[in-house]
Every structure is written in C-alpha cells, then in structure tokens.
C-alpha cells in the first residue's frame, strides 16, 4: 500500500527545472535530461526524458523493464525502431514535430536523429524510467557464454565487442572515425511497405 502524499508538507514540490537534471551528456549537442520522482516528489506514476540529438546520433538499443514509453517529436526528425516480440518484426517509424511512437514496456528499441538539433520527449508511465542498455549486455555477458550459445569464435567475439563502452547511452562514441552513409530501404514484412532510412558505417 502506498503512503498518501501529504500536500501540507513544507518539502512538497510542484515545480522543477528539467534543464538542471542531466542524465547523460555526450557533448553539448547530444544529451539527455531526466525528470522523475527523485527530482519532483509530487510525481505519481509519470516520468520523462528530454532528449537532444544531432543528425546520425543514436539513443542506443535498449529496453525499459518498468514502463511503456511514448516518444514525442518536438523538433527535427528521427527514425524510431522497435522490435515486436510477438510478430518478430523490426518496425521503423520516421517522426517529425507533433508525431509520436508508442513503445510497450520491455520492447527493444532505439532512436536515430535524422537532422541536427532534433528534440524528442520520452514520457513514461512509471515514477522513474529504469533502463537496460545494449552496451551493458554486450560488455558484461561473458564472451565464453556468447561463443558457446551461438557457436562463435570466442576470440573474434572478444575482439568485436572490445570497443563497446558500458552505458553508452548516445552513440557512436566521439572517438569513432568512420563516416556516415545513408541509404533508402523498405521493410517488406510490414503489412504496408514502409520507406525509411537505414544507417550504416563504412
């Protein structure tokens, strides 16, 4: 049973400046601010991430084990991809200002900015947005387990994931020297073929 909030308490909060609550910064153009119950104690079952990205920056593949996420585009444009575990489809939606994508709780997903100064607002139905990051799964799963499970060369696997930094949040790393190239592709497994961008490096 949750304790009823005491709205007469001198510690009660109704206002907060999200700009003062940074969750992660890659650089001054790519960063995430957070608002949850730790920042604003009157929140009940709601939290958000205020996300700023330049073109081709990625909110790394991840999932939220405790909440559904509604991503709203404020400025710019982004490709938002989510894996539907029931249909085994990777769905990609390009959002522009005023458009949203709903990501059910526990679904694997990521966001790639298509334009500089892209601004996204991610809203959660939980008092804090817990997260499990792809970089952490790659960095902390023992190489011998991955090699045995998927019949991989353990040395090659170790070499492949060695550059992965735990808790990347926004990729690629600033040290990455590869160039971006963008191609157009279709997702034929969708009921209605959906044209979107797929990013890769060379």
C-alpha atoms as a PDB file:
ATOM      1  CA  UNK A   1       0.000   0.000   0.000  1.00  0.00           C
ATOM      2  CA  UNK A   2       1.446   3.376  -0.992  1.00  0.00           C
ATOM      3  CA  UNK A   3       1.505   6.142   1.563  1.00  0.00           C
ATOM      4  CA  UNK A   4      -0.869   9.004   0.783  1.00  0.00           C
ATOM      5  CA  UNK A   5       1.001  12.163  -0.143  1.00  0.00           C
ATOM      6  CA  UNK A   6       0.999  14.944   2.444  1.00  0.00           C
ATOM      7  CA  UNK A   7       0.318  18.073   0.420  1.00  0.00           C
ATOM      8  CA  UNK A   8       0.738  20.216   3.546  1.00  0.00           C
ATOM      9  CA  UNK A   9       4.388  19.211   3.996  1.00  0.00           C
ATOM     10  CA  UNK A  10       6.964  22.010   3.573  1.00  0.00           C
ATOM     11  CA  UNK A  11       9.047  19.611   1.432  1.00  0.00           C
ATOM     12  CA  UNK A  12       6.328  19.133  -1.179  1.00  0.00           C
ATOM     13  CA  UNK A  13       7.382  20.094  -4.727  1.00  0.00           C
ATOM     14  CA  UNK A  14       5.239  21.291  -7.624  1.00  0.00           C
ATOM     15  CA  UNK A  15       7.918  22.876  -9.837  1.00  0.00           C
ATOM     16  CA  UNK A  16      11.217  21.689 -11.268  1.00  0.00           C
ATOM     17  CA  UNK A  17      13.642  22.883 -13.955  1.00  0.00           C
ATOM     18  CA  UNK A  18      14.446  19.815 -16.085  1.00  0.00           C
ATOM     19  CA  UNK A  19      17.437  21.654 -17.588  1.00  0.00           C
ATOM     20  CA  UNK A  20      19.173  21.177 -14.229  1.00  0.00           C
ATOM     21  CA  UNK A  21      18.797  17.393 -14.161  1.00  0.00           C
ATOM     22  CA  UNK A  22      21.198  15.870 -16.673  1.00  0.00           C
ATOM     23  CA  UNK A  23      21.081  12.095 -17.080  1.00  0.00           C
ATOM     24  CA  UNK A  24      23.791  11.780 -19.735  1.00  0.00           C
ATOM     25  CA  UNK A  25      25.899  14.082 -21.927  1.00  0.00           C
ATOM     26  CA  UNK A  26      27.916  13.057 -24.964  1.00  0.00           C
ATOM     27  CA  UNK A  27      28.623  16.666 -25.963  1.00  0.00           C
ATOM     28  CA  UNK A  28      26.782  19.988 -25.973  1.00  0.00           C
ATOM     29  CA  UNK A  29      24.554  18.912 -28.886  1.00  0.00           C
ATOM     30  CA  UNK A  30      23.783  15.372 -27.699  1.00  0.00           C
ATOM     31  CA  UNK A  31      22.455  14.914 -24.193  1.00  0.00           C
ATOM     32  CA  UNK A  32      19.540  13.661 -22.100  1.00  0.00           C
ATOM     33  CA  UNK A  33      17.830  15.349 -19.147  1.00  0.00           C
ATOM     34  CA  UNK A  34      15.594  13.420 -16.770  1.00  0.00           C
ATOM     35  CA  UNK A  35      12.563  14.138 -14.623  1.00  0.00           C
ATOM     36  CA  UNK A  36      11.271  11.563 -12.188  1.00  0.00           C
ATOM     37  CA  UNK A  37      10.035  11.313  -8.632  1.00  0.00           C
ATOM     38  CA  UNK A  38      13.603  11.885  -7.390  1.00  0.00           C
ATOM     39  CA  UNK A  39      13.530  15.336  -8.959  1.00  0.00           C
ATOM     40  CA  UNK A  40       9.874  16.229  -8.346  1.00  0.00           C
ATOM     41  CA  UNK A  41       8.347  14.419  -5.397  1.00  0.00           C
ATOM     42  CA  UNK A  42       4.695  15.020  -6.337  1.00  0.00           C
ATOM     43  CA  UNK A  43       5.019  12.913  -9.472  1.00  0.00           C
ATOM     44  CA  UNK A  44       2.966   9.749  -9.291  1.00  0.00           C
ATOM     45  CA  UNK A  45       3.447   7.152 -11.998  1.00  0.00           C
ATOM     46  CA  UNK A  46       4.937   9.574 -14.541  1.00  0.00           C
ATOM     47  CA  UNK A  47       8.461  10.490 -15.636  1.00  0.00           C
ATOM     48  CA  UNK A  48      10.218  11.784 -18.732  1.00  0.00           C
ATOM     49  CA  UNK A  49      13.469  12.087 -20.642  1.00  0.00           C
ATOM     50  CA  UNK A  50      14.213  15.300 -22.534  1.00  0.00           C
ATOM     51  CA  UNK A  51      16.424  14.214 -25.450  1.00  0.00           C
ATOM     52  CA  UNK A  52      18.592  16.392 -27.712  1.00  0.00           C
ATOM     53  CA  UNK A  53      20.422  14.884 -30.699  1.00  0.00           C
ATOM     54  CA  UNK A  54      22.340  15.949 -33.775  1.00  0.00           C
ATOM     55  CA  UNK A  55      21.979  14.044 -37.057  1.00  0.00           C
ATOM     56  CA  UNK A  56      23.087  10.382 -37.039  1.00  0.00           C
ATOM     57  CA  UNK A  57      23.417  10.212 -33.261  1.00  0.00           C
ATOM     58  CA  UNK A  58      21.696   7.197 -31.738  1.00  0.00           C
ATOM     59  CA  UNK A  59      19.971   6.520 -28.450  1.00  0.00           C
ATOM     60  CA  UNK A  60      21.494   3.072 -28.187  1.00  0.00           C
ATOM     61  CA  UNK A  61      19.365  -0.099 -28.389  1.00  0.00           C
ATOM     62  CA  UNK A  62      17.755  -0.686 -25.001  1.00  0.00           C
ATOM     63  CA  UNK A  63      14.539  -1.550 -23.206  1.00  0.00           C
ATOM     64  CA  UNK A  64      12.632  -0.258 -20.194  1.00  0.00           C
ATOM     65  CA  UNK A  65      11.757  -3.060 -17.831  1.00  0.00           C
ATOM     66  CA  UNK A  66       9.342  -0.968 -15.757  1.00  0.00           C
ATOM     67  CA  UNK A  67       7.470   1.283 -18.184  1.00  0.00           C
ATOM     68  CA  UNK A  68       5.851   1.926 -21.530  1.00  0.00           C
ATOM     69  CA  UNK A  69       7.453   4.829 -23.429  1.00  0.00           C
ATOM     70  CA  UNK A  70       5.707   7.415 -25.574  1.00  0.00           C
ATOM     71  CA  UNK A  71       8.201   9.324 -27.755  1.00  0.00           C
ATOM     72  CA  UNK A  72       7.036  12.731 -28.985  1.00  0.00           C
ATOM     73  CA  UNK A  73       8.984  14.723 -31.571  1.00  0.00           C
ATOM     74  CA  UNK A  74       9.266  18.406 -30.678  1.00  0.00           C
ATOM     75  CA  UNK A  75      11.807  19.494 -33.286  1.00  0.00           C
ATOM     76  CA  UNK A  76      13.781  17.941 -36.144  1.00  0.00           C
ATOM     77  CA  UNK A  77      13.240  14.338 -37.186  1.00  0.00           C
ATOM     78  CA  UNK A  78      14.192  10.856 -36.028  1.00  0.00           C
ATOM     79  CA  UNK A  79      13.832   7.224 -37.001  1.00  0.00           C
ATOM     80  CA  UNK A  80      12.409   5.265 -34.083  1.00  0.00           C
ATOM     81  CA  UNK A  81      12.758   1.496 -34.343  1.00  0.00           C
ATOM     82  CA  UNK A  82      11.184  -1.123 -32.097  1.00  0.00           C
ATOM     83  CA  UNK A  83      11.227  -4.906 -32.174  1.00  0.00           C
ATOM     84  CA  UNK A  84       7.802  -6.526 -31.883  1.00  0.00           C
ATOM     85  CA  UNK A  85       8.493  -9.772 -29.998  1.00  0.00           C
ATOM     86  CA  UNK A  86       5.131 -11.226 -30.995  1.00  0.00           C
ATOM     87  CA  UNK A  87       5.462 -10.827 -34.768  1.00  0.00           C
ATOM     88  CA  UNK A  88       9.312 -10.941 -34.853  1.00  0.00           C
ATOM     89  CA  UNK A  89       9.314  -7.702 -36.854  1.00  0.00           C
ATOM     90  CA  UNK A  90      11.560  -4.673 -36.552  1.00  0.00           C
ATOM     91  CA  UNK A  91       9.287  -1.674 -37.054  1.00  0.00           C
ATOM     92  CA  UNK A  92      10.756   1.720 -38.002  1.00  0.00           C
ATOM     93  CA  UNK A  93       8.842   4.985 -37.949  1.00  0.00           C
ATOM     94  CA  UNK A  94      10.143   8.384 -39.039  1.00  0.00           C
ATOM     95  CA  UNK A  95       8.764  11.116 -36.783  1.00  0.00           C
ATOM     96  CA  UNK A  96       8.609  14.861 -37.303  1.00  0.00           C
ATOM     97  CA  UNK A  97       7.220  17.556 -34.953  1.00  0.00           C
ATOM     98  CA  UNK A  98       3.852  16.601 -33.478  1.00  0.00           C
ATOM     99  CA  UNK A  99       4.186  12.873 -34.196  1.00  0.00           C
ATOM    100  CA  UNK A 100       4.564  10.097 -31.622  1.00  0.00           C
ATOM    101  CA  UNK A 101       5.629   6.470 -31.358  1.00  0.00           C
ATOM    102  CA  UNK A 102       4.396   4.253 -28.510  1.00  0.00           C
ATOM    103  CA  UNK A 103       6.842   1.596 -27.261  1.00  0.00           C
ATOM    104  CA  UNK A 104       5.316  -1.071 -24.993  1.00  0.00           C
ATOM    105  CA  UNK A 105       7.046  -1.981 -21.742  1.00  0.00           C
ATOM    106  CA  UNK A 106      10.025  -4.272 -22.215  1.00  0.00           C
ATOM    107  CA  UNK A 107      10.300  -3.874 -26.008  1.00  0.00           C
ATOM    108  CA  UNK A 108      13.780  -3.493 -27.555  1.00  0.00           C
ATOM    109  CA  UNK A 109      14.100  -0.132 -29.344  1.00  0.00           C
ATOM    110  CA  UNK A 110      16.389   2.718 -30.409  1.00  0.00           C
ATOM    111  CA  UNK A 111      16.211   6.209 -31.923  1.00  0.00           C
ATOM    112  CA  UNK A 112      18.399   7.762 -34.664  1.00  0.00           C
ATOM    113  CA  UNK A 113      18.276  11.512 -35.316  1.00  0.00           C
ATOM    114  CA  UNK A 114      17.837  12.438 -38.980  1.00  0.00           C
ATOM    115  CA  UNK A 115      18.502  16.158 -38.501  1.00  0.00           C
ATOM    116  CA  UNK A 116      20.687  18.396 -36.373  1.00  0.00           C
ATOM    117  CA  UNK A 117      19.028  19.854 -33.273  1.00  0.00           C
ATOM    118  CA  UNK A 118      16.445  17.096 -33.056  1.00  0.00           C
ATOM    119  CA  UNK A 119      14.456  17.312 -29.824  1.00  0.00           C
ATOM    120  CA  UNK A 120      12.449  14.359 -28.506  1.00  0.00           C
ATOM    121  CA  UNK A 121      10.393  13.979 -25.349  1.00  0.00           C
ATOM    122  CA  UNK A 122      10.068  10.452 -23.963  1.00  0.00           C
ATOM    123  CA  UNK A 123       7.216  10.041 -21.462  1.00  0.00           C
ATOM    124  CA  UNK A 124       6.951   7.011 -19.144  1.00  0.00           C
ATOM    125  CA  UNK A 125       4.144   5.573 -17.015  1.00  0.00           C
ATOM    126  CA  UNK A 126       6.486   4.970 -14.074  1.00  0.00           C
ATOM    127  CA  UNK A 127       7.954   7.290 -11.411  1.00  0.00           C
ATOM    128  CA  UNK A 128      11.441   6.754 -12.834  1.00  0.00           C
ATOM    129  CA  UNK A 129      12.481   5.365 -16.251  1.00  0.00           C
ATOM    130  CA  UNK A 130      14.576   2.289 -15.476  1.00  0.00           C
ATOM    131  CA  UNK A 131      16.619   1.016 -18.417  1.00  0.00           C
ATOM    132  CA  UNK A 132      18.704  -1.953 -19.580  1.00  0.00           C
ATOM    133  CA  UNK A 133      21.209  -0.885 -22.241  1.00  0.00           C
ATOM    134  CA  UNK A 134      22.506  -2.925 -25.156  1.00  0.00           C
ATOM    135  CA  UNK A 135      26.068  -1.807 -24.415  1.00  0.00           C
ATOM    136  CA  UNK A 136      25.816  -3.210 -20.895  1.00  0.00           C
ATOM    137  CA  UNK A 137      24.514  -6.547 -22.173  1.00  0.00           C
ATOM    138  CA  UNK A 138      27.383  -6.757 -24.673  1.00  0.00           C
ATOM    139  CA  UNK A 139      30.042  -5.610 -22.220  1.00  0.00           C
ATOM    140  CA  UNK A 140      29.066  -7.769 -19.249  1.00  0.00           C
ATOM    141  CA  UNK A 141      27.877 -11.048 -20.811  1.00  0.00           C
ATOM    142  CA  UNK A 142      30.899 -13.389 -20.639  1.00  0.00           C
ATOM    143  CA  UNK A 143      32.481 -13.990 -24.034  1.00  0.00           C
ATOM    144  CA  UNK A 144      32.611 -17.748 -23.482  1.00  0.00           C
ATOM    145  CA  UNK A 145      28.841 -17.815 -22.879  1.00  0.00           C
ATOM    146  CA  UNK A 146      28.143 -15.941 -26.122  1.00  0.00           C
ATOM    147  CA  UNK A 147      30.585 -18.121 -28.052  1.00  0.00           C
ATOM    148  CA  UNK A 148      29.128 -21.350 -26.701  1.00  0.00           C
ATOM    149  CA  UNK A 149      25.496 -20.291 -27.104  1.00  0.00           C
ATOM    150  CA  UNK A 150      25.777 -19.065 -30.695  1.00  0.00           C
ATOM    151  CA  UNK A 151      28.674 -21.239 -31.900  1.00  0.00           C
ATOM    152  CA  UNK A 152      31.033 -18.271 -32.285  1.00  0.00           C
ATOM    153  CA  UNK A 153      34.792 -17.943 -32.289  1.00  0.00           C
ATOM    154  CA  UNK A 154      35.385 -16.640 -28.754  1.00  0.00           C
ATOM    155  CA  UNK A 155      38.498 -14.661 -29.700  1.00  0.00           C
ATOM    156  CA  UNK A 156      36.729 -12.968 -32.590  1.00  0.00           C
ATOM    157  CA  UNK A 157      33.761 -12.149 -30.371  1.00  0.00           C
ATOM    158  CA  UNK A 158      36.039 -10.606 -27.744  1.00  0.00           C
ATOM    159  CA  UNK A 159      37.749  -8.542 -30.421  1.00  0.00           C
ATOM    160  CA  UNK A 160      34.420  -7.424 -31.889  1.00  0.00           C
ATOM    161  CA  UNK A 161      32.927  -6.199 -28.593  1.00  0.00           C
ATOM    162  CA  UNK A 162      36.142  -4.847 -27.043  1.00  0.00           C
ATOM    163  CA  UNK A 163      35.413  -1.249 -28.214  1.00  0.00           C
ATOM    164  CA  UNK A 164      31.943  -1.290 -26.637  1.00  0.00           C
ATOM    165  CA  UNK A 165      31.816   1.004 -23.616  1.00  0.00           C
ATOM    166  CA  UNK A 166      29.246   0.120 -20.930  1.00  0.00           C
ATOM    167  CA  UNK A 167      26.390   2.615 -20.585  1.00  0.00           C
ATOM    168  CA  UNK A 168      26.994   4.267 -23.953  1.00  0.00           C
ATOM    169  CA  UNK A 169      23.507   5.873 -23.987  1.00  0.00           C
ATOM    170  CA  UNK A 170      24.266   8.022 -27.066  1.00  0.00           C
ATOM    171  CA  UNK A 171      26.373   6.605 -29.880  1.00  0.00           C
ATOM    172  CA  UNK A 172      28.532   6.474 -31.781  1.00  0.00           C
ATOM    173  CA  UNK A 173      31.431   7.386 -29.461  1.00  0.00           C
ATOM    174  CA  UNK A 174      33.239  10.633 -30.185  1.00  0.00           C
ATOM    175  CA  UNK A 175      36.345   8.564 -30.918  1.00  0.00           C
ATOM    176  CA  UNK A 176      34.595   6.826 -33.829  1.00  0.00           C
ATOM    177  CA  UNK A 177      36.271   7.899 -37.075  1.00  0.00           C
ATOM    178  CA  UNK A 178      34.019   6.127 -39.544  1.00  0.00           C
ATOM    179  CA  UNK A 179      31.924   8.190 -41.937  1.00  0.00           C
ATOM    180  CA  UNK A 180      28.155   8.018 -42.185  1.00  0.00           C
ATOM    181  CA  UNK A 181      26.303   6.934 -45.275  1.00  0.00           C
ATOM    182  CA  UNK A 182      22.560   6.860 -45.630  1.00  0.00           C
ATOM    183  CA  UNK A 183      20.578   4.601 -47.931  1.00  0.00           C
ATOM    184  CA  UNK A 184      16.872   4.091 -48.527  1.00  0.00           C
ATOM    185  CA  UNK A 185      15.342   0.699 -47.877  1.00  0.00           C
ATOM    186  CA  UNK A 186      11.935  -0.914 -47.496  1.00  0.00           C
ATOM    187  CA  UNK A 187      10.574  -3.107 -44.712  1.00  0.00           C
ATOM    188  CA  UNK A 188       8.644  -5.678 -46.780  1.00  0.00           C
ATOM    189  CA  UNK A 189       7.409  -7.711 -43.806  1.00  0.00           C
ATOM    190  CA  UNK A 190       5.125  -4.884 -42.712  1.00  0.00           C
ATOM    191  CA  UNK A 191       1.535  -5.041 -43.882  1.00  0.00           C
ATOM    192  CA  UNK A 192       2.148  -1.795 -45.777  1.00  0.00           C
ATOM    193  CA  UNK A 193       5.740  -1.434 -47.019  1.00  0.00           C
ATOM    194  CA  UNK A 194       7.224   1.480 -45.141  1.00  0.00           C
ATOM    195  CA  UNK A 195      10.070   3.504 -46.593  1.00  0.00           C
ATOM    196  CA  UNK A 196      12.635   4.670 -44.086  1.00  0.00           C
ATOM    197  CA  UNK A 197      16.336   5.293 -43.658  1.00  0.00           C
ATOM    198  CA  UNK A 198      18.842   2.724 -42.582  1.00  0.00           C
ATOM    199  CA  UNK A 199      22.166   3.958 -41.308  1.00  0.00           C
ATOM    200  CA  UNK A 200      25.451   2.140 -41.600  1.00  0.00           C
ATOM    201  CA  UNK A 201      29.146   2.907 -41.430  1.00  0.00           C
ATOM    202  CA  UNK A 202      31.979   2.311 -43.864  1.00  0.00           C
END
